């Protein structure tokens, strides 16, 4: 879901990380972390889902559902 939303806004992983940094003020976000989220290596927590929703223009409910699916997928493998 994240790659599609990001690309739909014309953003690279670097761009998304930079926008998340700008809106959240949190310097810990990197392109590498965005990549981990997109590859399912990590699932963004509630803090980052809030900022992702703002930057990507999607609802918290949609992001929560995607996170739940990702958790189930990780657990089943």
PDB file of N, CA and C in Angstrom:
ATOM      1  N   UNK A   1       0.810  -1.191   0.000  1.00  0.00           N
ATOM      2  CA  UNK A   1       0.000   0.000   0.000  1.00  0.00           C
ATOM      3  C   UNK A   1       0.862   1.267   0.000  1.00  0.00           C
ATOM      4  N   UNK A   2       1.884   1.293   0.848  1.00  0.00           N
ATOM      5  CA  UNK A   2       2.716   2.498   0.929  1.00  0.00           C
ATOM      6  C   UNK A   2       3.394   2.849  -0.390  1.00  0.00           C
ATOM      7  N   UNK A   3       3.979   1.874  -1.094  1.00  0.00           N
ATOM      8  CA  UNK A   3       4.628   2.253  -2.358  1.00  0.00           C
ATOM      9  C   UNK A   3       3.647   2.885  -3.350  1.00  0.00           C
ATOM     10  N   UNK A   4       2.434   2.341  -3.403  1.00  0.00           N
ATOM     11  CA  UNK A   4       1.439   2.875  -4.330  1.00  0.00           C
ATOM     12  C   UNK A   4       1.041   4.303  -3.953  1.00  0.00           C
ATOM     13  N   UNK A   5       0.814   4.524  -2.664  1.00  0.00           N
ATOM     14  CA  UNK A   5       0.461   5.872  -2.209  1.00  0.00           C
ATOM     15  C   UNK A   5       1.599   6.854  -2.469  1.00  0.00           C
ATOM     16  N   UNK A   6       2.811   6.410  -2.170  1.00  0.00           N
ATOM     17  CA  UNK A   6       3.982   7.278  -2.367  1.00  0.00           C
ATOM     18  C   UNK A   6       4.147   7.625  -3.840  1.00  0.00           C
ATOM     19  N   UNK A   7       4.130   6.608  -4.690  1.00  0.00           N
ATOM     20  CA  UNK A   7       4.296   6.852  -6.129  1.00  0.00           C
ATOM     21  C   UNK A   7       3.148   7.686  -6.687  1.00  0.00           C
ATOM     22  N   UNK A   8       1.941   7.469  -6.165  1.00  0.00           N
ATOM     23  CA  UNK A   8       0.785   8.248  -6.603  1.00  0.00           C
ATOM     24  C   UNK A   8       0.953   9.735  -6.353  1.00  0.00           C
ATOM     25  N   UNK A   9       1.762  10.061  -5.380  1.00  0.00           N
ATOM     26  CA  UNK A   9       2.057  11.465  -5.072  1.00  0.00           C
ATOM     27  C   UNK A   9       3.336  11.927  -5.749  1.00  0.00           C
ATOM     28  N   UNK A  10       3.938  11.039  -6.543  1.00  0.00           N
ATOM     29  CA  UNK A  10       5.160  11.408  -7.266  1.00  0.00           C
ATOM     30  C   UNK A  10       6.379  11.542  -6.380  1.00  0.00           C
ATOM     31  N   UNK A  11       6.399  10.805  -5.273  1.00  0.00           N
ATOM     32  CA  UNK A  11       7.498  10.905  -4.311  1.00  0.00           C
ATOM     33  C   UNK A  11       8.439   9.714  -4.419  1.00  0.00           C
ATOM     34  N   UNK A  12       9.714   9.969  -4.227  1.00  0.00           N
ATOM     35  CA  UNK A  12      10.684   8.893  -4.050  1.00  0.00           C
ATOM     36  C   UNK A  12      10.699   8.533  -2.567  1.00  0.00           C
ATOM     37  N   UNK A  13      11.394   7.470  -2.226  1.00  0.00           N
ATOM     38  CA  UNK A  13      11.540   7.132  -0.808  1.00  0.00           C
ATOM     39  C   UNK A  13      12.272   8.248  -0.068  1.00  0.00           C
ATOM     40  N   UNK A  14      13.256   8.850  -0.715  1.00  0.00           N
ATOM     41  CA  UNK A  14      13.964   9.992  -0.106  1.00  0.00           C
ATOM     42  C   UNK A  14      12.996  11.147   0.143  1.00  0.00           C
ATOM     43  N   UNK A  15      12.154  11.437  -0.863  1.00  0.00           N
ATOM     44  CA  UNK A  15      11.189  12.530  -0.725  1.00  0.00           C
ATOM     45  C   UNK A  15      10.238  12.282   0.440  1.00  0.00           C
ATOM     46  N   UNK A  16       9.725  11.056   0.529  1.00  0.00           N
ATOM     47  CA  UNK A  16       8.794  10.733   1.608  1.00  0.00           C
ATOM     48  C   UNK A  16       9.473  10.888   2.962  1.00  0.00           C
ATOM     49  N   UNK A  17      10.685  10.389   3.086  1.00  0.00           N
ATOM     50  CA  UNK A  17      11.418  10.539   4.351  1.00  0.00           C
ATOM     51  C   UNK A  17      11.608  12.017   4.687  1.00  0.00           C
ATOM     52  N   UNK A  18      11.950  12.822   3.691  1.00  0.00           N
ATOM     53  CA  UNK A  18      12.155  14.256   3.919  1.00  0.00           C
ATOM     54  C   UNK A  18      10.852  14.931   4.338  1.00  0.00           C
ATOM     55  N   UNK A  19       9.743  14.570   3.706  1.00  0.00           N
ATOM     56  CA  UNK A  19       8.455  15.170   4.075  1.00  0.00           C
ATOM     57  C   UNK A  19       8.040  14.742   5.480  1.00  0.00           C
ATOM     58  N   UNK A  20       8.267  13.473   5.810  1.00  0.00           N
ATOM     59  CA  UNK A  20       7.950  13.013   7.163  1.00  0.00           C
ATOM     60  C   UNK A  20       8.793  13.749   8.197  1.00  0.00           C
ATOM     61  N   UNK A  21      10.052  13.967   7.889  1.00  0.00           N
ATOM     62  CA  UNK A  21      10.926  14.731   8.782  1.00  0.00           C
ATOM     63  C   UNK A  21      10.404  16.154   8.940  1.00  0.00           C
ATOM     64  N   UNK A  22      10.018  16.766   7.831  1.00  0.00           N
ATOM     65  CA  UNK A  22       9.558  18.157   7.866  1.00  0.00           C
ATOM     66  C   UNK A  22       8.286  18.319   8.697  1.00  0.00           C
ATOM     67  N   UNK A  23       7.319  17.418   8.541  1.00  0.00           N
ATOM     68  CA  UNK A  23       6.057  17.589   9.263  1.00  0.00           C
ATOM     69  C   UNK A  23       6.139  17.123  10.707  1.00  0.00           C
ATOM     70  N   UNK A  24       6.971  16.106  10.968  1.00  0.00           N
ATOM     71  CA  UNK A  24       7.031  15.561  12.328  1.00  0.00           C
ATOM     72  C   UNK A  24       8.108  16.221  13.183  1.00  0.00           C
ATOM     73  N   UNK A  25       9.132  16.777  12.525  1.00  0.00           N
ATOM     74  CA  UNK A  25      10.261  17.322  13.259  1.00  0.00           C
ATOM     75  C   UNK A  25      11.185  16.241  13.801  1.00  0.00           C
ATOM     76  N   UNK A  26      10.922  15.000  13.433  1.00  0.00           N
ATOM     77  CA  UNK A  26      11.700  13.858  13.918  1.00  0.00           C
ATOM     78  C   UNK A  26      12.789  13.530  12.906  1.00  0.00           C
ATOM     79  N   UNK A  27      14.038  13.643  13.335  1.00  0.00           N
ATOM     80  CA  UNK A  27      15.165  13.440  12.417  1.00  0.00           C
ATOM     81  C   UNK A  27      15.523  11.967  12.227  1.00  0.00           C
ATOM     82  N   UNK A  28      14.852  11.071  12.935  1.00  0.00           N
ATOM     83  CA  UNK A  28      15.231   9.655  12.867  1.00  0.00           C
ATOM     84  C   UNK A  28      14.738   8.954  11.604  1.00  0.00           C
ATOM     85  N   UNK A  29      13.832   9.562  10.864  1.00  0.00           N
ATOM     86  CA  UNK A  29      13.283   8.900   9.673  1.00  0.00           C
ATOM     87  C   UNK A  29      14.263   9.016   8.506  1.00  0.00           C
ATOM     88  N   UNK A  30      14.476   7.892   7.835  1.00  0.00           N
ATOM     89  CA  UNK A  30      15.406   7.844   6.709  1.00  0.00           C
ATOM     90  C   UNK A  30      14.763   7.133   5.530  1.00  0.00           C
ATOM     91  N   UNK A  31      15.392   7.231   4.385  1.00  0.00           N
ATOM     92  CA  UNK A  31      14.934   6.499   3.211  1.00  0.00           C
ATOM     93  C   UNK A  31      14.973   5.002   3.494  1.00  0.00           C
ATOM     94  N   UNK A  32      15.971   4.576   4.239  1.00  0.00           N
ATOM     95  CA  UNK A  32      16.103   3.165   4.571  1.00  0.00           C
ATOM     96  C   UNK A  32      14.915   2.667   5.384  1.00  0.00           C
ATOM     97  N   UNK A  33      14.442   3.482   6.312  1.00  0.00           N
ATOM     98  CA  UNK A  33      13.275   3.088   7.112  1.00  0.00           C
ATOM     99  C   UNK A  33      12.032   3.010   6.231  1.00  0.00           C
ATOM    100  N   UNK A  34      11.859   3.965   5.338  1.00  0.00           N
ATOM    101  CA  UNK A  34      10.734   3.920   4.398  1.00  0.00           C
ATOM    102  C   UNK A  34      10.813   2.633   3.580  1.00  0.00           C
ATOM    103  N   UNK A  35      12.002   2.285   3.120  1.00  0.00           N
ATOM    104  CA  UNK A  35      12.194   1.054   2.353  1.00  0.00           C
ATOM    105  C   UNK A  35      11.813  -0.171   3.182  1.00  0.00           C
ATOM    106  N   UNK A  36      12.189  -0.196   4.448  1.00  0.00           N
ATOM    107  CA  UNK A  36      11.837  -1.332   5.325  1.00  0.00           C
ATOM    108  C   UNK A  36      10.326  -1.469   5.448  1.00  0.00           C
ATOM    109  N   UNK A  37       9.645  -0.334   5.602  1.00  0.00           N
ATOM    110  CA  UNK A  37       8.182  -0.368   5.672  1.00  0.00           C
ATOM    111  C   UNK A  37       7.601  -0.942   4.390  1.00  0.00           C
ATOM    112  N   UNK A  38       8.101  -0.460   3.269  1.00  0.00           N
ATOM    113  CA  UNK A  38       7.550  -0.873   1.981  1.00  0.00           C
ATOM    114  C   UNK A  38       7.819  -2.348   1.685  1.00  0.00           C
ATOM    115  N   UNK A  39       8.926  -2.874   2.161  1.00  0.00           N
ATOM    116  CA  UNK A  39       9.264  -4.282   1.931  1.00  0.00           C
ATOM    117  C   UNK A  39       8.671  -5.207   2.989  1.00  0.00           C
ATOM    118  N   UNK A  40       7.986  -4.631   3.972  1.00  0.00           N
ATOM    119  CA  UNK A  40       7.380  -5.440   5.021  1.00  0.00           C
ATOM    120  C   UNK A  40       8.354  -5.917   6.078  1.00  0.00           C
ATOM    121  N   UNK A  41       9.556  -5.358   6.086  1.00  0.00           N
ATOM    122  CA  UNK A  41      10.543  -5.730   7.109  1.00  0.00           C
ATOM    123  C   UNK A  41      10.184  -5.124   8.457  1.00  0.00           C
ATOM    124  N   UNK A  42       9.527  -3.984   8.407  1.00  0.00           N
ATOM    125  CA  UNK A  42       9.034  -3.305   9.603  1.00  0.00           C
ATOM    126  C   UNK A  42       7.648  -2.766   9.298  1.00  0.00           C
ATOM    127  N   UNK A  43       6.885  -2.549  10.337  1.00  0.00           N
ATOM    128  CA  UNK A  43       5.549  -1.979  10.195  1.00  0.00           C
ATOM    129  C   UNK A  43       5.555  -0.648  10.935  1.00  0.00           C
ATOM    130  N   UNK A  44       5.168   0.430  10.259  1.00  0.00           N
ATOM    131  CA  UNK A  44       5.159   1.723  10.952  1.00  0.00           C
ATOM    132  C   UNK A  44       4.205   1.685  12.144  1.00  0.00           C
ATOM    133  N   UNK A  45       4.685   2.199  13.263  1.00  0.00           N
ATOM    134  CA  UNK A  45       3.853   2.263  14.455  1.00  0.00           C
ATOM    135  C   UNK A  45       2.854   3.407  14.369  1.00  0.00           C
ATOM    136  N   UNK A  46       2.004   3.534  15.390  1.00  0.00           N
ATOM    137  CA  UNK A  46       0.976   4.577  15.385  1.00  0.00           C
ATOM    138  C   UNK A  46       1.536   5.988  15.183  1.00  0.00           C
ATOM    139  N   UNK A  47       2.689   6.260  15.783  1.00  0.00           N
ATOM    140  CA  UNK A  47       3.297   7.588  15.627  1.00  0.00           C
ATOM    141  C   UNK A  47       3.531   7.895  14.156  1.00  0.00           C
ATOM    142  N   UNK A  48       4.212   6.978  13.455  1.00  0.00           N
ATOM    143  CA  UNK A  48       4.526   7.226  12.049  1.00  0.00           C
ATOM    144  C   UNK A  48       3.303   7.106  11.161  1.00  0.00           C
ATOM    145  N   UNK A  49       2.334   6.264  11.522  1.00  0.00           N
ATOM    146  CA  UNK A  49       1.109   6.177  10.711  1.00  0.00           C
ATOM    147  C   UNK A  49       0.358   7.504  10.716  1.00  0.00           C
ATOM    148  N   UNK A  50       0.397   8.207  11.836  1.00  0.00           N
ATOM    149  CA  UNK A  50      -0.242   9.531  11.890  1.00  0.00           C
ATOM    150  C   UNK A  50       0.385  10.461  10.861  1.00  0.00           C
ATOM    151  N   UNK A  51       1.702  10.513  10.840  1.00  0.00           N
ATOM    152  CA  UNK A  51       2.401  11.398   9.904  1.00  0.00           C
ATOM    153  C   UNK A  51       2.278  10.901   8.469  1.00  0.00           C
ATOM    154  N   UNK A  52       2.316   9.599   8.257  1.00  0.00           N
ATOM    155  CA  UNK A  52       2.133   9.056   6.906  1.00  0.00           C
ATOM    156  C   UNK A  52       0.769   9.450   6.353  1.00  0.00           C
ATOM    157  N   UNK A  53      -0.250   9.377   7.192  1.00  0.00           N
ATOM    158  CA  UNK A  53      -1.590   9.772   6.754  1.00  0.00           C
ATOM    159  C   UNK A  53      -1.635  11.214   6.301  1.00  0.00           C
ATOM    160  N   UNK A  54      -0.976  12.072   7.037  1.00  0.00           N
ATOM    161  CA  UNK A  54      -0.950  13.495   6.660  1.00  0.00           C
ATOM    162  C   UNK A  54      -0.196  13.721   5.360  1.00  0.00           C
ATOM    163  N   UNK A  55       0.970  13.118   5.242  1.00  0.00           N
ATOM    164  CA  UNK A  55       1.807  13.336   4.059  1.00  0.00           C
ATOM    165  C   UNK A  55       1.197  12.691   2.822  1.00  0.00           C
ATOM    166  N   UNK A  56       0.643  11.491   2.981  1.00  0.00           N
ATOM    167  CA  UNK A  56       0.142  10.748   1.825  1.00  0.00           C
ATOM    168  C   UNK A  56      -1.343  10.967   1.563  1.00  0.00           C
ATOM    169  N   UNK A  57      -2.000  11.723   2.438  1.00  0.00           N
ATOM    170  CA  UNK A  57      -3.404  12.048   2.219  1.00  0.00           C
ATOM    171  C   UNK A  57      -4.326  10.845   2.308  1.00  0.00           C
ATOM    172  N   UNK A  58      -4.067   9.986   3.277  1.00  0.00           N
ATOM    173  CA  UNK A  58      -4.915   8.807   3.465  1.00  0.00           C
ATOM    174  C   UNK A  58      -5.409   8.763   4.903  1.00  0.00           C
ATOM    175  N   UNK A  59      -6.445   7.997   5.133  1.00  0.00           N
ATOM    176  CA  UNK A  59      -7.051   7.958   6.461  1.00  0.00           C
ATOM    177  C   UNK A  59      -6.272   7.062   7.412  1.00  0.00           C
ATOM    178  N   UNK A  60      -6.407   7.353   8.688  1.00  0.00           N
ATOM    179  CA  UNK A  60      -5.793   6.515   9.712  1.00  0.00           C
ATOM    180  C   UNK A  60      -6.379   5.109   9.660  1.00  0.00           C
ATOM    181  N   UNK A  61      -7.673   5.017   9.385  1.00  0.00           N
ATOM    182  CA  UNK A  61      -8.318   3.710   9.311  1.00  0.00           C
ATOM    183  C   UNK A  61      -7.685   2.851   8.218  1.00  0.00           C
ATOM    184  N   UNK A  62      -7.435   3.442   7.070  1.00  0.00           N
ATOM    185  CA  UNK A  62      -6.818   2.704   5.972  1.00  0.00           C
ATOM    186  C   UNK A  62      -5.409   2.233   6.351  1.00  0.00           C
ATOM    187  N   UNK A  63      -4.653   3.105   6.995  1.00  0.00           N
ATOM    188  CA  UNK A  63      -3.300   2.732   7.419  1.00  0.00           C
ATOM    189  C   UNK A  63      -3.325   1.669   8.515  1.00  0.00           C
ATOM    190  N   UNK A  64      -4.290   1.756   9.436  1.00  0.00           N
ATOM    191  CA  UNK A  64      -4.431   0.744  10.489  1.00  0.00           C
ATOM    192  C   UNK A  64      -4.747  -0.614   9.878  1.00  0.00           C
ATOM    193  N   UNK A  65      -5.644  -0.631   8.888  1.00  0.00           N
ATOM    194  CA  UNK A  65      -5.996  -1.892   8.231  1.00  0.00           C
ATOM    195  C   UNK A  65      -4.785  -2.487   7.524  1.00  0.00           C
ATOM    196  N   UNK A  66      -4.019  -1.650   6.836  1.00  0.00           N
ATOM    197  CA  UNK A  66      -2.818  -2.128   6.142  1.00  0.00           C
ATOM    198  C   UNK A  66      -1.809  -2.686   7.140  1.00  0.00           C
ATOM    199  N   UNK A  67      -1.659  -2.029   8.294  1.00  0.00           N
ATOM    200  CA  UNK A  67      -0.729  -2.512   9.323  1.00  0.00           C
ATOM    201  C   UNK A  67      -1.196  -3.856   9.874  1.00  0.00           C
ATOM    202  N   UNK A  68      -2.498  -4.008  10.090  1.00  0.00           N
ATOM    203  CA  UNK A  68      -3.033  -5.277  10.596  1.00  0.00           C
ATOM    204  C   UNK A  68      -2.792  -6.406   9.600  1.00  0.00           C
ATOM    205  N   UNK A  69      -3.001  -6.137   8.330  1.00  0.00           N
ATOM    206  CA  UNK A  69      -2.747  -7.140   7.288  1.00  0.00           C
ATOM    207  C   UNK A  69      -1.270  -7.505   7.265  1.00  0.00           C
ATOM    208  N   UNK A  70      -0.405  -6.506   7.356  1.00  0.00           N
ATOM    209  CA  UNK A  70       1.039  -6.757   7.340  1.00  0.00           C
ATOM    210  C   UNK A  70       1.458  -7.604   8.540  1.00  0.00           C
ATOM    211  N   UNK A  71       0.877  -7.328   9.704  1.00  0.00           N
ATOM    212  CA  UNK A  71       1.207  -8.118  10.902  1.00  0.00           C
ATOM    213  C   UNK A  71       0.772  -9.573  10.724  1.00  0.00           C
ATOM    214  N   UNK A  72      -0.434  -9.781  10.187  1.00  0.00           N
ATOM    215  CA  UNK A  72      -0.910 -11.153   9.958  1.00  0.00           C
ATOM    216  C   UNK A  72      -0.022 -11.877   8.956  1.00  0.00           C
ATOM    217  N   UNK A  73       0.366 -11.181   7.897  1.00  0.00           N
ATOM    218  CA  UNK A  73       1.212 -11.777   6.868  1.00  0.00           C
ATOM    219  C   UNK A  73       2.557 -12.182   7.456  1.00  0.00           C
ATOM    220  N   UNK A  74       3.138 -11.313   8.267  1.00  0.00           N
ATOM    221  CA  UNK A  74       4.437 -11.617   8.893  1.00  0.00           C
ATOM    222  C   UNK A  74       4.312 -12.800   9.841  1.00  0.00           C
ATOM    223  N   UNK A  75       3.220 -12.852  10.587  1.00  0.00           N
ATOM    224  CA  UNK A  75       3.011 -13.917  11.568  1.00  0.00           C
ATOM    225  C   UNK A  75       2.822 -15.272  10.879  1.00  0.00           C
ATOM    226  N   UNK A  76       2.166 -15.270   9.729  1.00  0.00           N
ATOM    227  CA  UNK A  76       1.863 -16.511   9.014  1.00  0.00           C
ATOM    228  C   UNK A  76       3.049 -17.070   8.247  1.00  0.00           C
ATOM    229  N   UNK A  77       4.121 -16.307   8.143  1.00  0.00           N
ATOM    230  CA  UNK A  77       5.278 -16.795   7.373  1.00  0.00           C
ATOM    231  C   UNK A  77       6.394 -17.224   8.255  1.00  0.00           C
TER     232      UNK A  77
END
